[in-house]
């Protein structure tokens, strides 16, 4: 398990990609702790985000930022 800081995506760069709201927090069974690239909040705990479909955007419920897995961390 590692801490993975997501990359912020500007609204103008969404280009029709699906946006997932993480709610207060998402909890998985094993994986990474996922951090918002803007405010530093832990958005997901123990989530296998590196194996989830690429291209998804994750909205931070605290600051509203759209985040994505950085390209260098994608499978």
C-alpha atoms as a PDB file:
ATOM      1  CA  UNK A   1       0.000   0.000   0.000  1.00  0.00           C
ATOM      2  CA  UNK A   2       1.296   3.430  -0.971  1.00  0.00           C
ATOM      3  CA  UNK A   3       0.134   7.014  -0.893  1.00  0.00           C
ATOM      4  CA  UNK A   4      -0.784   8.201  -4.372  1.00  0.00           C
ATOM      5  CA  UNK A   5      -1.267  11.930  -4.952  1.00  0.00           C
ATOM      6  CA  UNK A   6      -3.576  12.507  -7.907  1.00  0.00           C
ATOM      7  CA  UNK A   7      -3.058  15.117 -10.621  1.00  0.00           C
ATOM      8  CA  UNK A   8      -5.568  17.982 -10.814  1.00  0.00           C
ATOM      9  CA  UNK A   9      -7.501  18.356 -14.086  1.00  0.00           C
ATOM     10  CA  UNK A  10      -9.075  21.689 -15.034  1.00  0.00           C
ATOM     11  CA  UNK A  11     -12.784  21.714 -15.964  1.00  0.00           C
ATOM     12  CA  UNK A  12     -11.846  22.795 -19.517  1.00  0.00           C
ATOM     13  CA  UNK A  13      -9.857  19.544 -19.937  1.00  0.00           C
ATOM     14  CA  UNK A  14     -12.623  17.087 -18.963  1.00  0.00           C
ATOM     15  CA  UNK A  15     -13.451  16.309 -22.628  1.00  0.00           C
ATOM     16  CA  UNK A  16     -16.461  14.130 -21.835  1.00  0.00           C
ATOM     17  CA  UNK A  17     -14.676  11.818 -19.381  1.00  0.00           C
ATOM     18  CA  UNK A  18     -16.708  10.186 -16.623  1.00  0.00           C
ATOM     19  CA  UNK A  19     -16.521  11.925 -13.232  1.00  0.00           C
ATOM     20  CA  UNK A  20     -16.766   9.815 -10.073  1.00  0.00           C
ATOM     21  CA  UNK A  21     -17.774  11.485  -6.813  1.00  0.00           C
ATOM     22  CA  UNK A  22     -15.854   9.953  -3.929  1.00  0.00           C
ATOM     23  CA  UNK A  23     -18.294  11.123  -1.253  1.00  0.00           C
ATOM     24  CA  UNK A  24     -16.910  11.555   2.236  1.00  0.00           C
ATOM     25  CA  UNK A  25     -14.415   8.772   1.500  1.00  0.00           C
ATOM     26  CA  UNK A  26     -14.195   5.524  -0.415  1.00  0.00           C
ATOM     27  CA  UNK A  27     -12.833   2.438   1.318  1.00  0.00           C
ATOM     28  CA  UNK A  28     -11.444  -0.561  -0.520  1.00  0.00           C
ATOM     29  CA  UNK A  29      -9.999  -3.861   0.609  1.00  0.00           C
ATOM     30  CA  UNK A  30      -6.410  -3.426  -0.562  1.00  0.00           C
ATOM     31  CA  UNK A  31      -4.553  -0.894  -2.643  1.00  0.00           C
ATOM     32  CA  UNK A  32      -3.381   2.687  -2.320  1.00  0.00           C
ATOM     33  CA  UNK A  33      -4.381   5.615  -0.155  1.00  0.00           C
ATOM     34  CA  UNK A  34      -5.425   8.218  -2.736  1.00  0.00           C
ATOM     35  CA  UNK A  35      -4.872  11.921  -2.059  1.00  0.00           C
ATOM     36  CA  UNK A  36      -6.460  14.984  -3.725  1.00  0.00           C
ATOM     37  CA  UNK A  37      -3.858  16.857  -5.745  1.00  0.00           C
ATOM     38  CA  UNK A  38      -5.268  20.247  -4.719  1.00  0.00           C
ATOM     39  CA  UNK A  39      -6.196  20.156  -1.021  1.00  0.00           C
ATOM     40  CA  UNK A  40      -4.349  17.040   0.184  1.00  0.00           C
ATOM     41  CA  UNK A  41      -7.444  15.280   1.554  1.00  0.00           C
ATOM     42  CA  UNK A  42      -7.455  11.480   1.559  1.00  0.00           C
ATOM     43  CA  UNK A  43     -10.207  10.693  -0.936  1.00  0.00           C
ATOM     44  CA  UNK A  44      -9.880   6.900  -0.983  1.00  0.00           C
ATOM     45  CA  UNK A  45      -8.318   4.414   1.393  1.00  0.00           C
ATOM     46  CA  UNK A  46      -6.878   1.068   0.305  1.00  0.00           C
ATOM     47  CA  UNK A  47      -8.323   1.367  -3.224  1.00  0.00           C
ATOM     48  CA  UNK A  48      -6.862  -0.567  -6.166  1.00  0.00           C
ATOM     49  CA  UNK A  49      -6.961   2.630  -8.246  1.00  0.00           C
ATOM     50  CA  UNK A  50      -4.074   1.627 -10.515  1.00  0.00           C
ATOM     51  CA  UNK A  51      -6.197  -1.250 -11.867  1.00  0.00           C
ATOM     52  CA  UNK A  52      -9.405   0.760 -12.297  1.00  0.00           C
ATOM     53  CA  UNK A  53     -10.408   1.915 -15.800  1.00  0.00           C
ATOM     54  CA  UNK A  54      -8.105   4.674 -17.041  1.00  0.00           C
ATOM     55  CA  UNK A  55      -9.567   8.013 -18.012  1.00  0.00           C
ATOM     56  CA  UNK A  56     -11.823   8.314 -14.958  1.00  0.00           C
ATOM     57  CA  UNK A  57     -11.855  11.602 -13.078  1.00  0.00           C
ATOM     58  CA  UNK A  58     -12.412  11.753  -9.312  1.00  0.00           C
ATOM     59  CA  UNK A  59     -14.110  14.769  -7.707  1.00  0.00           C
ATOM     60  CA  UNK A  60     -12.884  15.781  -4.261  1.00  0.00           C
ATOM     61  CA  UNK A  61     -15.918  16.464  -2.082  1.00  0.00           C
ATOM     62  CA  UNK A  62     -13.975  18.982   0.042  1.00  0.00           C
ATOM     63  CA  UNK A  63     -12.443  21.375  -2.511  1.00  0.00           C
ATOM     64  CA  UNK A  64     -14.327  20.297  -5.664  1.00  0.00           C
ATOM     65  CA  UNK A  65     -11.152  19.608  -7.658  1.00  0.00           C
ATOM     66  CA  UNK A  66     -11.203  17.043 -10.439  1.00  0.00           C
ATOM     67  CA  UNK A  67      -8.352  14.569 -10.133  1.00  0.00           C
ATOM     68  CA  UNK A  68      -6.883  11.787 -12.249  1.00  0.00           C
ATOM     69  CA  UNK A  69      -4.232   9.133 -11.783  1.00  0.00           C
ATOM     70  CA  UNK A  70      -0.992  10.721 -13.013  1.00  0.00           C
ATOM     71  CA  UNK A  71       0.084   9.294 -16.394  1.00  0.00           C
ATOM     72  CA  UNK A  72       3.296   7.850 -14.948  1.00  0.00           C
ATOM     73  CA  UNK A  73       1.220   5.815 -12.446  1.00  0.00           C
ATOM     74  CA  UNK A  74      -1.244   4.354 -14.969  1.00  0.00           C
ATOM     75  CA  UNK A  75      -0.858   0.721 -16.034  1.00  0.00           C
END
